[in-house]
Amino acid sequence: MRPLTEREIRTAFVNCTKGEAKRLSIPHDLAERPWDDLDFLGWRDPQAPHRAYLATELDGRPTALALRCPTNTPWQTRSSMCSMCLTTHTGGVSLMVAAKAGKAGQQGNSVGAYICSDLACPLYVRGKKDAGIGARLHESLTLEEKILRTVTNLTAFIAKVTT
């Protein structure tokens, strides 16, 4: 993924208003992010732990989503699998909910997916971040195929938000 600027990220949000996008928290360390290892940039809002965001490029254009997620859940000790990267975590997967884009979102419609709580899916897939023993199931897929699967899952989730 190519590095995105703060301005590109703020203008890429498809499921919040321009005012909301202007006020939300963008990471200050964009220049230090491992862009070559990212299929999407994901982060949690340090001032609002129930808010998370992700930004990626679709068809050469930045696209970003605002997400809501629980701050604590009673099932955090259970092992769960991320629906994006298929990494299994004990307590490290959260249901993240995105308001649908446009009128549907204004009417309260939303879409959810179980995603790594730290939104570090691209790093787990590439083995750059460890989720613990047994977190990545042994697969015969190549790294490129695993990356493609993660991107396909992310693209499908964004399509549900935007349609």
N, C-alpha and C. Protein backbone atom coordinates (compact mmCIF):
# COMPACT_ATOMS: atom_id res chain seq x y z
N MET A 1 0.85 -1.17 0.00
CA MET A 1 0.00 0.00 0.00
C MET A 1 0.90 1.23 0.00
N ARG A 2 0.51 2.23 -0.75
CA ARG A 2 1.30 3.46 -0.76
C ARG A 2 0.97 4.28 0.50
N PRO A 3 1.91 5.06 0.99
CA PRO A 3 1.64 5.89 2.17
C PRO A 3 0.52 6.90 1.89
N LEU A 4 -0.38 7.04 2.85
CA LEU A 4 -1.46 8.01 2.74
C LEU A 4 -1.17 9.18 3.67
N THR A 5 -1.59 10.35 3.25
CA THR A 5 -1.43 11.54 4.07
C THR A 5 -2.66 11.71 4.97
N GLU A 6 -2.54 12.54 5.95
CA GLU A 6 -3.68 12.83 6.83
C GLU A 6 -4.84 13.39 6.02
N ARG A 7 -4.55 14.28 5.11
CA ARG A 7 -5.61 14.88 4.28
C ARG A 7 -6.31 13.83 3.43
N GLU A 8 -5.52 12.93 2.81
CA GLU A 8 -6.12 11.87 2.00
C GLU A 8 -7.03 10.98 2.85
N ILE A 9 -6.57 10.66 4.04
CA ILE A 9 -7.36 9.80 4.93
C ILE A 9 -8.66 10.49 5.32
N ARG A 10 -8.57 11.74 5.74
CA ARG A 10 -9.77 12.47 6.18
C ARG A 10 -10.82 12.59 5.06
N THR A 11 -10.38 12.79 3.83
CA THR A 11 -11.33 12.94 2.73
C THR A 11 -11.82 11.59 2.18
N ALA A 12 -11.23 10.48 2.66
CA ALA A 12 -11.57 9.16 2.14
C ALA A 12 -12.72 8.47 2.89
N PHE A 13 -13.18 9.04 4.00
CA PHE A 13 -14.22 8.38 4.79
C PHE A 13 -15.54 8.35 4.02
N VAL A 14 -16.13 7.15 3.95
CA VAL A 14 -17.36 6.98 3.19
C VAL A 14 -18.59 6.86 4.08
N ASN A 15 -18.39 6.69 5.38
CA ASN A 15 -19.55 6.46 6.24
C ASN A 15 -19.63 7.41 7.43
N CYS A 16 -19.12 8.61 7.26
CA CYS A 16 -19.31 9.66 8.26
C CYS A 16 -19.32 11.01 7.54
N THR A 17 -19.77 12.01 8.24
CA THR A 17 -19.85 13.33 7.62
C THR A 17 -18.46 13.95 7.50
N LYS A 18 -18.36 14.99 6.69
CA LYS A 18 -17.08 15.70 6.55
C LYS A 18 -16.65 16.29 7.88
N GLY A 19 -17.60 16.78 8.64
CA GLY A 19 -17.30 17.34 9.96
C GLY A 19 -16.76 16.29 10.91
N GLU A 20 -17.37 15.10 10.91
CA GLU A 20 -16.89 14.01 11.75
C GLU A 20 -15.49 13.59 11.32
N ALA A 21 -15.27 13.49 10.03
CA ALA A 21 -13.96 13.10 9.51
C ALA A 21 -12.90 14.14 9.88
N LYS A 22 -13.29 15.39 9.92
CA LYS A 22 -12.34 16.45 10.27
C LYS A 22 -11.94 16.38 11.74
N ARG A 23 -12.86 15.92 12.60
CA ARG A 23 -12.61 15.89 14.04
C ARG A 23 -11.99 14.59 14.55
N LEU A 24 -12.05 13.51 13.77
CA LEU A 24 -11.57 12.24 14.30
C LEU A 24 -10.06 12.20 14.42
N SER A 25 -9.58 11.29 15.24
CA SER A 25 -8.17 11.17 15.55
C SER A 25 -7.43 10.37 14.48
N ILE A 26 -6.44 11.00 13.85
CA ILE A 26 -5.58 10.34 12.85
C ILE A 26 -4.23 10.08 13.52
N PRO A 27 -3.61 8.92 13.31
CA PRO A 27 -2.30 8.67 13.92
C PRO A 27 -1.28 9.75 13.54
N HIS A 28 -0.48 10.14 14.50
CA HIS A 28 0.55 11.16 14.26
C HIS A 28 1.82 10.57 13.65
N ASP A 29 1.91 9.25 13.65
CA ASP A 29 3.14 8.60 13.18
C ASP A 29 2.98 7.99 11.78
N LEU A 30 2.22 8.63 10.92
CA LEU A 30 1.99 8.08 9.58
C LEU A 30 3.30 7.81 8.83
N ALA A 31 4.28 8.67 9.00
CA ALA A 31 5.55 8.51 8.29
C ALA A 31 6.31 7.26 8.74
N GLU A 32 6.07 6.81 9.99
CA GLU A 32 6.78 5.65 10.52
C GLU A 32 6.04 4.33 10.31
N ARG A 33 4.86 4.36 9.77
CA ARG A 33 4.08 3.13 9.57
C ARG A 33 4.75 2.26 8.51
N PRO A 34 4.65 0.93 8.66
CA PRO A 34 5.29 0.02 7.69
C PRO A 34 4.43 -0.15 6.43
N TRP A 35 4.31 0.90 5.64
CA TRP A 35 3.39 0.94 4.50
C TRP A 35 3.58 -0.23 3.54
N ASP A 36 4.81 -0.68 3.33
CA ASP A 36 5.05 -1.79 2.41
C ASP A 36 4.42 -3.09 2.89
N ASP A 37 4.17 -3.19 4.19
CA ASP A 37 3.57 -4.39 4.78
C ASP A 37 2.09 -4.23 5.07
N LEU A 38 1.48 -3.13 4.64
CA LEU A 38 0.08 -2.88 4.94
C LEU A 38 -0.81 -3.05 3.72
N ASP A 39 -1.93 -3.72 3.93
CA ASP A 39 -2.99 -3.76 2.92
C ASP A 39 -4.04 -2.73 3.30
N PHE A 40 -4.07 -2.39 4.57
CA PHE A 40 -4.90 -1.30 5.08
C PHE A 40 -4.25 -0.77 6.35
N LEU A 41 -4.51 0.48 6.62
CA LEU A 41 -4.06 1.12 7.85
C LEU A 41 -5.23 1.09 8.82
N GLY A 42 -5.04 0.49 9.96
CA GLY A 42 -6.10 0.44 10.96
C GLY A 42 -5.60 1.00 12.28
N TRP A 43 -6.48 1.71 13.00
CA TRP A 43 -6.07 2.26 14.29
C TRP A 43 -7.30 2.46 15.17
N ARG A 44 -7.03 2.47 16.48
CA ARG A 44 -8.06 2.76 17.48
C ARG A 44 -7.85 4.21 17.92
N ASP A 45 -8.93 4.86 18.30
CA ASP A 45 -8.87 6.24 18.78
C ASP A 45 -8.45 6.22 20.24
N PRO A 46 -7.29 6.79 20.59
CA PRO A 46 -6.85 6.75 21.99
C PRO A 46 -7.77 7.52 22.94
N GLN A 47 -8.47 8.54 22.45
CA GLN A 47 -9.39 9.31 23.29
C GLN A 47 -10.77 8.66 23.38
N ALA A 48 -11.09 7.77 22.47
CA ALA A 48 -12.40 7.11 22.46
C ALA A 48 -12.17 5.63 22.11
N PRO A 49 -11.90 4.79 23.10
CA PRO A 49 -11.55 3.40 22.83
C PRO A 49 -12.61 2.59 22.08
N HIS A 50 -13.84 3.08 22.05
CA HIS A 50 -14.90 2.38 21.33
C HIS A 50 -14.94 2.77 19.85
N ARG A 51 -14.01 3.62 19.41
CA ARG A 51 -13.94 4.04 18.01
C ARG A 51 -12.67 3.47 17.37
N ALA A 52 -12.82 2.99 16.14
CA ALA A 52 -11.69 2.49 15.37
C ALA A 52 -11.88 2.95 13.93
N TYR A 53 -10.80 2.93 13.18
CA TYR A 53 -10.84 3.41 11.81
C TYR A 53 -9.94 2.53 10.96
N LEU A 54 -10.26 2.46 9.68
CA LEU A 54 -9.35 1.82 8.75
C LEU A 54 -9.38 2.57 7.44
N ALA A 55 -8.23 2.57 6.78
CA ALA A 55 -8.09 3.25 5.48
C ALA A 55 -7.30 2.34 4.56
N THR A 56 -7.72 2.30 3.30
CA THR A 56 -7.05 1.48 2.30
C THR A 56 -7.20 2.15 0.95
N GLU A 57 -6.69 1.50 -0.07
CA GLU A 57 -6.89 1.97 -1.43
C GLU A 57 -7.73 0.95 -2.18
N LEU A 58 -8.80 1.41 -2.79
CA LEU A 58 -9.63 0.57 -3.64
C LEU A 58 -9.68 1.21 -5.01
N ASP A 59 -9.33 0.46 -6.01
CA ASP A 59 -9.32 0.97 -7.39
C ASP A 59 -8.50 2.26 -7.50
N GLY A 60 -7.37 2.30 -6.79
CA GLY A 60 -6.47 3.43 -6.85
C GLY A 60 -6.89 4.66 -6.06
N ARG A 61 -8.01 4.55 -5.32
CA ARG A 61 -8.50 5.69 -4.53
C ARG A 61 -8.53 5.34 -3.05
N PRO A 62 -8.09 6.26 -2.19
CA PRO A 62 -8.20 6.00 -0.75
C PRO A 62 -9.67 5.86 -0.34
N THR A 63 -9.93 4.89 0.52
CA THR A 63 -11.26 4.65 1.07
C THR A 63 -11.07 4.39 2.55
N ALA A 64 -11.89 5.00 3.39
CA ALA A 64 -11.75 4.84 4.84
C ALA A 64 -13.11 4.60 5.47
N LEU A 65 -13.10 3.87 6.59
CA LEU A 65 -14.31 3.58 7.34
C LEU A 65 -14.15 3.97 8.80
N ALA A 66 -15.21 4.51 9.37
CA ALA A 66 -15.28 4.72 10.82
C ALA A 66 -16.01 3.50 11.39
N LEU A 67 -15.46 2.96 12.47
CA LEU A 67 -16.01 1.75 13.08
C LEU A 67 -16.32 1.99 14.56
N ARG A 68 -17.31 1.27 15.06
CA ARG A 68 -17.59 1.25 16.50
C ARG A 68 -17.24 -0.14 16.99
N CYS A 69 -16.71 -0.21 18.20
CA CYS A 69 -16.36 -1.50 18.77
C CYS A 69 -16.50 -1.44 20.28
N PRO A 70 -16.73 -2.58 20.91
CA PRO A 70 -16.87 -2.58 22.37
C PRO A 70 -15.54 -2.28 23.04
N THR A 71 -15.60 -1.63 24.20
CA THR A 71 -14.37 -1.38 24.95
C THR A 71 -14.00 -2.59 25.80
N ASN A 72 -14.99 -3.33 26.24
CA ASN A 72 -14.73 -4.60 26.92
C ASN A 72 -15.92 -5.51 26.66
N THR A 73 -15.63 -6.78 26.56
CA THR A 73 -16.70 -7.74 26.28
C THR A 73 -16.57 -8.92 27.22
N PRO A 74 -17.69 -9.54 27.60
CA PRO A 74 -17.61 -10.66 28.53
C PRO A 74 -16.93 -11.90 27.97
N TRP A 75 -16.81 -12.02 26.65
CA TRP A 75 -16.23 -13.22 26.06
C TRP A 75 -14.77 -13.03 25.67
N GLN A 76 -14.08 -12.04 26.22
CA GLN A 76 -12.71 -11.77 25.82
C GLN A 76 -11.74 -12.89 26.12
N THR A 77 -12.10 -13.85 26.96
CA THR A 77 -11.18 -14.94 27.25
C THR A 77 -11.36 -16.10 26.27
N ARG A 78 -12.39 -16.05 25.45
CA ARG A 78 -12.60 -17.09 24.44
C ARG A 78 -11.72 -16.84 23.23
N SER A 79 -11.35 -17.89 22.57
CA SER A 79 -10.57 -17.77 21.35
C SER A 79 -11.52 -17.49 20.18
N SER A 80 -11.19 -16.47 19.40
CA SER A 80 -12.01 -16.07 18.26
C SER A 80 -11.13 -15.85 17.04
N MET A 81 -11.74 -15.96 15.85
CA MET A 81 -10.99 -15.80 14.61
C MET A 81 -11.42 -14.53 13.90
N CYS A 82 -10.45 -13.77 13.44
CA CYS A 82 -10.70 -12.56 12.67
C CYS A 82 -11.26 -12.95 11.30
N SER A 83 -12.32 -12.26 10.89
CA SER A 83 -12.92 -12.57 9.59
C SER A 83 -12.16 -11.95 8.42
N MET A 84 -11.20 -11.09 8.69
CA MET A 84 -10.39 -10.50 7.62
C MET A 84 -9.16 -11.36 7.31
N CYS A 85 -8.35 -11.61 8.35
CA CYS A 85 -7.06 -12.29 8.12
C CYS A 85 -7.04 -13.74 8.60
N LEU A 86 -8.10 -14.17 9.26
CA LEU A 86 -8.23 -15.53 9.79
C LEU A 86 -7.19 -15.86 10.85
N THR A 87 -6.76 -14.87 11.61
CA THR A 87 -5.90 -15.08 12.76
C THR A 87 -6.79 -15.36 13.96
N THR A 88 -6.42 -16.34 14.77
CA THR A 88 -7.16 -16.67 15.97
C THR A 88 -6.48 -16.00 17.16
N HIS A 89 -7.28 -15.34 17.98
CA HIS A 89 -6.78 -14.66 19.18
C HIS A 89 -7.60 -15.11 20.38
N THR A 90 -6.98 -15.07 21.54
CA THR A 90 -7.73 -15.21 22.79
C THR A 90 -7.95 -13.79 23.29
N GLY A 91 -9.16 -13.29 23.12
CA GLY A 91 -9.47 -11.94 23.56
C GLY A 91 -9.01 -10.86 22.62
N GLY A 92 -8.52 -11.18 21.44
CA GLY A 92 -7.98 -10.16 20.54
C GLY A 92 -8.80 -9.91 19.30
N VAL A 93 -10.06 -10.35 19.30
CA VAL A 93 -10.95 -10.12 18.16
C VAL A 93 -12.19 -9.41 18.69
N SER A 94 -12.61 -8.36 17.99
CA SER A 94 -13.78 -7.59 18.41
C SER A 94 -14.77 -7.48 17.26
N LEU A 95 -16.04 -7.41 17.62
CA LEU A 95 -17.06 -7.11 16.62
C LEU A 95 -16.95 -5.62 16.33
N MET A 96 -16.61 -5.29 15.10
CA MET A 96 -16.51 -3.89 14.69
C MET A 96 -17.67 -3.61 13.75
N VAL A 97 -18.35 -2.51 14.03
CA VAL A 97 -19.56 -2.18 13.30
C VAL A 97 -19.36 -0.86 12.57
N ALA A 98 -19.70 -0.86 11.29
CA ALA A 98 -19.60 0.35 10.47
C ALA A 98 -21.00 0.78 10.06
N ALA A 99 -21.31 2.04 10.27
CA ALA A 99 -22.57 2.58 9.74
C ALA A 99 -22.50 2.49 8.23
N LYS A 100 -23.61 2.14 7.61
CA LYS A 100 -23.63 2.10 6.14
C LYS A 100 -23.47 3.51 5.61
N ALA A 101 -22.94 3.61 4.41
CA ALA A 101 -22.75 4.90 3.76
C ALA A 101 -24.10 5.45 3.31
N GLY A 102 -24.19 6.78 3.24
CA GLY A 102 -25.36 7.45 2.67
C GLY A 102 -26.60 7.38 3.54
N LYS A 103 -27.74 7.38 2.86
CA LYS A 103 -29.03 7.45 3.53
C LYS A 103 -29.27 6.25 4.45
N ALA A 104 -28.81 5.07 4.02
CA ALA A 104 -28.99 3.87 4.85
C ALA A 104 -28.32 4.04 6.21
N GLY A 105 -27.12 4.61 6.22
CA GLY A 105 -26.42 4.85 7.48
C GLY A 105 -27.11 5.91 8.32
N GLN A 106 -27.65 6.93 7.67
CA GLN A 106 -28.39 7.97 8.39
C GLN A 106 -29.64 7.40 9.05
N GLN A 107 -30.17 6.33 8.48
CA GLN A 107 -31.35 5.67 9.04
C GLN A 107 -30.97 4.64 10.11
N GLY A 108 -29.68 4.52 10.40
CA GLY A 108 -29.22 3.63 11.46
C GLY A 108 -28.79 2.25 11.02
N ASN A 109 -28.73 1.99 9.73
CA ASN A 109 -28.30 0.69 9.24
C ASN A 109 -26.78 0.56 9.35
N SER A 110 -26.33 -0.63 9.68
CA SER A 110 -24.90 -0.85 9.86
C SER A 110 -24.53 -2.27 9.44
N VAL A 111 -23.22 -2.50 9.34
CA VAL A 111 -22.66 -3.79 8.97
C VAL A 111 -21.55 -4.08 9.96
N GLY A 112 -21.44 -5.33 10.38
CA GLY A 112 -20.41 -5.70 11.35
C GLY A 112 -19.55 -6.83 10.87
N ALA A 113 -18.36 -6.93 11.45
CA ALA A 113 -17.43 -8.02 11.17
C ALA A 113 -16.54 -8.20 12.39
N TYR A 114 -16.13 -9.43 12.61
CA TYR A 114 -15.16 -9.71 13.68
C TYR A 114 -13.77 -9.48 13.11
N ILE A 115 -13.06 -8.52 13.72
CA ILE A 115 -11.75 -8.08 13.20
C ILE A 115 -10.76 -8.05 14.36
N CYS A 116 -9.48 -8.27 14.06
CA CYS A 116 -8.44 -8.16 15.08
C CYS A 116 -8.61 -6.84 15.82
N SER A 117 -8.64 -6.88 17.14
CA SER A 117 -8.92 -5.70 17.95
C SER A 117 -7.93 -4.57 17.70
N ASP A 118 -6.69 -4.92 17.37
CA ASP A 118 -5.68 -3.89 17.12
C ASP A 118 -5.59 -3.51 15.64
N LEU A 119 -6.45 -4.11 14.80
CA LEU A 119 -6.50 -3.84 13.36
C LEU A 119 -5.14 -4.05 12.68
N ALA A 120 -4.38 -5.01 13.16
CA ALA A 120 -3.05 -5.29 12.61
C ALA A 120 -3.05 -6.51 11.70
N CYS A 121 -4.18 -6.79 11.08
CA CYS A 121 -4.32 -7.97 10.20
C CYS A 121 -3.16 -8.14 9.22
N PRO A 122 -2.77 -7.08 8.48
CA PRO A 122 -1.70 -7.26 7.50
C PRO A 122 -0.39 -7.73 8.14
N LEU A 123 -0.12 -7.30 9.36
CA LEU A 123 1.12 -7.70 10.04
C LEU A 123 1.04 -9.14 10.53
N TYR A 124 -0.14 -9.58 10.98
CA TYR A 124 -0.31 -10.99 11.38
C TYR A 124 -0.15 -11.90 10.18
N VAL A 125 -0.75 -11.55 9.05
CA VAL A 125 -0.67 -12.38 7.84
C VAL A 125 0.78 -12.55 7.40
N ARG A 126 1.56 -11.48 7.48
CA ARG A 126 2.95 -11.51 7.02
C ARG A 126 3.92 -12.05 8.07
N GLY A 127 3.42 -12.38 9.27
CA GLY A 127 4.30 -12.87 10.33
C GLY A 127 5.12 -11.78 10.98
N LYS A 128 4.75 -10.51 10.79
CA LYS A 128 5.49 -9.38 11.37
C LYS A 128 5.05 -9.09 12.80
N LYS A 129 3.90 -9.64 13.16
CA LYS A 129 3.36 -9.48 14.51
C LYS A 129 2.84 -10.84 14.95
N ASP A 130 3.11 -11.19 16.19
CA ASP A 130 2.73 -12.50 16.71
C ASP A 130 1.50 -12.38 17.59
N ALA A 131 0.50 -13.20 17.31
CA ALA A 131 -0.73 -13.19 18.10
C ALA A 131 -0.71 -14.30 19.14
N GLY A 132 0.37 -15.04 19.27
CA GLY A 132 0.47 -16.09 20.27
C GLY A 132 0.48 -17.48 19.63
N ILE A 133 0.64 -18.47 20.49
CA ILE A 133 0.72 -19.86 20.05
C ILE A 133 -0.60 -20.29 19.42
N GLY A 134 -0.53 -20.88 18.25
CA GLY A 134 -1.71 -21.39 17.57
C GLY A 134 -2.56 -20.32 16.91
N ALA A 135 -2.08 -19.10 16.86
CA ALA A 135 -2.88 -18.00 16.32
C ALA A 135 -3.04 -18.12 14.81
N ARG A 136 -2.04 -18.58 14.13
CA ARG A 136 -2.12 -18.77 12.69
C ARG A 136 -2.15 -20.27 12.42
N LEU A 137 -3.24 -20.72 11.86
CA LEU A 137 -3.36 -22.13 11.50
C LEU A 137 -2.41 -22.43 10.34
N HIS A 138 -1.89 -23.65 10.33
CA HIS A 138 -1.01 -24.02 9.22
C HIS A 138 -1.86 -24.12 7.95
N GLU A 139 -1.40 -23.46 6.91
CA GLU A 139 -2.12 -23.47 5.63
C GLU A 139 -1.12 -23.74 4.52
N SER A 140 -1.62 -24.32 3.44
CA SER A 140 -0.76 -24.58 2.29
C SER A 140 -0.73 -23.39 1.32
N LEU A 141 -1.47 -22.34 1.65
CA LEU A 141 -1.48 -21.15 0.79
C LEU A 141 -0.14 -20.42 0.87
N THR A 142 0.23 -19.77 -0.22
CA THR A 142 1.43 -18.94 -0.21
C THR A 142 1.10 -17.63 0.51
N LEU A 143 2.13 -16.89 0.86
CA LEU A 143 1.92 -15.59 1.50
C LEU A 143 1.09 -14.68 0.59
N GLU A 144 1.37 -14.69 -0.69
CA GLU A 144 0.62 -13.85 -1.63
C GLU A 144 -0.87 -14.22 -1.64
N GLU A 145 -1.16 -15.52 -1.55
CA GLU A 145 -2.56 -15.97 -1.53
C GLU A 145 -3.25 -15.55 -0.23
N LYS A 146 -2.53 -15.60 0.89
CA LYS A 146 -3.09 -15.16 2.17
C LYS A 146 -3.37 -13.66 2.15
N ILE A 147 -2.45 -12.90 1.57
CA ILE A 147 -2.64 -11.45 1.45
C ILE A 147 -3.84 -11.17 0.56
N LEU A 148 -3.95 -11.86 -0.57
CA LEU A 148 -5.09 -11.69 -1.47
C LEU A 148 -6.40 -12.01 -0.76
N ARG A 149 -6.43 -13.07 0.04
CA ARG A 149 -7.63 -13.43 0.78
C ARG A 149 -8.02 -12.32 1.77
N THR A 150 -7.04 -11.77 2.46
CA THR A 150 -7.32 -10.69 3.41
C THR A 150 -7.87 -9.46 2.68
N VAL A 151 -7.26 -9.11 1.57
CA VAL A 151 -7.72 -7.96 0.78
C VAL A 151 -9.12 -8.22 0.24
N THR A 152 -9.38 -9.44 -0.20
CA THR A 152 -10.71 -9.80 -0.71
C THR A 152 -11.76 -9.68 0.40
N ASN A 153 -11.43 -10.16 1.61
CA ASN A 153 -12.36 -10.06 2.74
C ASN A 153 -12.61 -8.60 3.12
N LEU A 154 -11.56 -7.79 3.11
CA LEU A 154 -11.71 -6.37 3.41
C LEU A 154 -12.56 -5.67 2.35
N THR A 155 -12.30 -5.97 1.09
CA THR A 155 -13.05 -5.37 -0.01
C THR A 155 -14.54 -5.73 0.09
N ALA A 156 -14.82 -6.97 0.44
CA ALA A 156 -16.21 -7.41 0.59
C ALA A 156 -16.89 -6.67 1.74
N PHE A 157 -16.18 -6.45 2.84
CA PHE A 157 -16.74 -5.72 3.97
C PHE A 157 -17.03 -4.27 3.57
N ILE A 158 -16.09 -3.63 2.89
CA ILE A 158 -16.30 -2.25 2.46
C ILE A 158 -17.47 -2.17 1.49
N ALA A 159 -17.60 -3.17 0.61
CA ALA A 159 -18.73 -3.19 -0.35
C ALA A 159 -20.06 -3.26 0.40
N LYS A 160 -20.12 -4.00 1.49
CA LYS A 160 -21.36 -4.08 2.29
C LYS A 160 -21.68 -2.73 2.92
N VAL A 161 -20.65 -1.99 3.28
CA VAL A 161 -20.86 -0.66 3.88
C VAL A 161 -21.34 0.35 2.83
N THR A 162 -20.80 0.25 1.63
CA THR A 162 -21.07 1.28 0.62
C THR A 162 -22.27 0.97 -0.27
N THR A 163 -22.87 -0.22 -0.17
CA THR A 163 -24.04 -0.54 -1.00
C THR A 163 -25.32 -0.60 -0.18
